[in-house]
C-alpha cells in the first residue's frame, strides 16, 4: 500500500517579553479543521533553536485548517493560531 502525502513545516520561536529564547515546560501543536474539530495533537516537537514539526497531509484532505501552538512557561499558558488554506495542484 502506498500513501501519497504532502508536508507543511510549522515552526515557532518561543521568546520572553525581552526577546530572549525560553524553554517552555509544555509545548504542543494542535491542528483543527475549519469546523474547529481536532485533527491531530502533536507533543513530539523538534527543537534546533526553533521549535518545529513536519505535518503530513493526505491528498484527499484539502481545505482550511487552524494550526495552534500551545506552550506553558513560568506557570502561564500562551496560544498562537494561524489559518492554513491547503490546496493540491
Protein backbone atom coordinates (compact mmCIF):
# COMPACT_ATOMS: atom_id res chain seq x y z
CA UNK A 1 0.00 0.00 0.00
CA UNK A 2 1.36 3.42 -0.97
CA UNK A 3 0.13 6.63 0.64
CA UNK A 4 0.98 9.92 -1.03
CA UNK A 5 1.40 12.81 1.42
CA UNK A 6 2.34 16.45 1.31
CA UNK A 7 4.19 18.24 4.06
CA UNK A 8 3.76 21.51 5.89
CA UNK A 9 6.55 22.66 8.20
CA UNK A 10 5.20 24.58 11.17
CA UNK A 11 7.70 26.45 13.29
CA UNK A 12 7.83 28.89 16.17
CA UNK A 13 10.36 30.84 18.17
CA UNK A 14 9.42 30.85 21.85
CA UNK A 15 10.68 34.05 23.50
CA UNK A 16 10.07 36.03 26.66
CA UNK A 17 8.92 39.64 26.61
CA UNK A 18 12.53 40.80 26.11
CA UNK A 19 13.05 38.58 23.06
CA UNK A 20 15.22 36.02 24.84
CA UNK A 21 14.67 32.36 23.88
CA UNK A 22 12.96 30.30 26.59
CA UNK A 23 12.35 26.60 27.20
CA UNK A 24 8.63 26.10 27.90
CA UNK A 25 7.65 23.36 30.36
CA UNK A 26 4.87 22.22 27.99
CA UNK A 27 4.69 22.68 24.22
CA UNK A 28 2.33 21.18 21.68
CA UNK A 29 0.78 21.84 18.30
CA UNK A 30 -2.92 21.25 17.69
CA UNK A 31 -4.30 21.00 14.16
CA UNK A 32 -8.03 21.71 13.71
CA UNK A 33 -10.26 21.55 10.65
CA UNK A 34 -12.42 24.50 9.59
CA UNK A 35 -15.19 23.36 11.99
CA UNK A 36 -12.65 23.56 14.84
CA UNK A 37 -12.65 19.77 15.27
CA UNK A 38 -9.29 18.47 16.47
CA UNK A 39 -7.47 16.64 13.65
CA UNK A 40 -4.20 15.97 15.43
CA UNK A 41 -2.40 16.94 18.63
CA UNK A 42 1.40 16.79 18.48
CA UNK A 43 3.68 16.83 21.51
CA UNK A 44 6.83 15.41 19.90
CA UNK A 45 8.18 18.81 18.77
CA UNK A 46 11.73 19.13 17.43
CA UNK A 47 13.97 21.88 18.75
CA UNK A 48 17.10 23.10 16.93
CA UNK A 49 16.96 26.61 18.38
CA UNK A 50 13.48 26.98 16.90
CA UNK A 51 10.60 24.62 17.57
CA UNK A 52 9.19 22.86 14.53
CA UNK A 53 7.09 19.96 13.35
CA UNK A 54 6.62 18.47 9.89
CA UNK A 55 2.88 17.90 9.44
CA UNK A 56 1.84 15.39 6.78
CA UNK A 57 -1.43 15.97 4.96
CA UNK A 58 -3.28 13.36 2.92
CA UNK A 59 -4.07 14.27 -0.70
CA UNK A 60 -7.82 13.81 -0.17
CA UNK A 61 -7.92 16.40 2.62
CA UNK A 62 -7.72 19.90 1.08
CA UNK A 63 -9.40 22.76 2.92
CA UNK A 64 -8.88 25.26 5.67
CA UNK A 65 -7.02 24.23 8.80
CA UNK A 66 -6.11 26.00 12.02
CA UNK A 67 -2.63 25.49 13.47
CA UNK A 68 -2.42 26.24 17.19
CA UNK A 69 0.84 26.46 19.15
CA UNK A 70 0.30 25.99 22.87
CA UNK A 71 3.04 26.40 25.48
CA UNK A 72 3.43 26.91 29.19
CA UNK A 73 6.24 28.95 30.70
CA UNK A 74 6.57 30.15 34.31
CA UNK A 75 3.04 28.93 35.14
CA UNK A 76 1.47 30.94 32.31
CA UNK A 77 -0.04 29.50 29.15
CA UNK A 78 0.35 31.02 25.68
CA UNK A 79 -1.53 30.25 22.48
CA UNK A 80 -0.89 31.37 18.92
CA UNK A 81 -3.09 30.34 15.98
CA UNK A 82 -2.74 30.63 12.23
CA UNK A 83 -5.06 29.68 9.38
CA UNK A 84 -3.89 27.42 6.55
CA UNK A 85 -5.59 27.07 3.21
CA UNK A 86 -4.45 23.65 1.94
CA UNK A 87 -4.88 23.01 -1.78
CA UNK A 88 -3.34 20.48 -4.13
CA UNK A 89 -2.31 21.40 -7.65
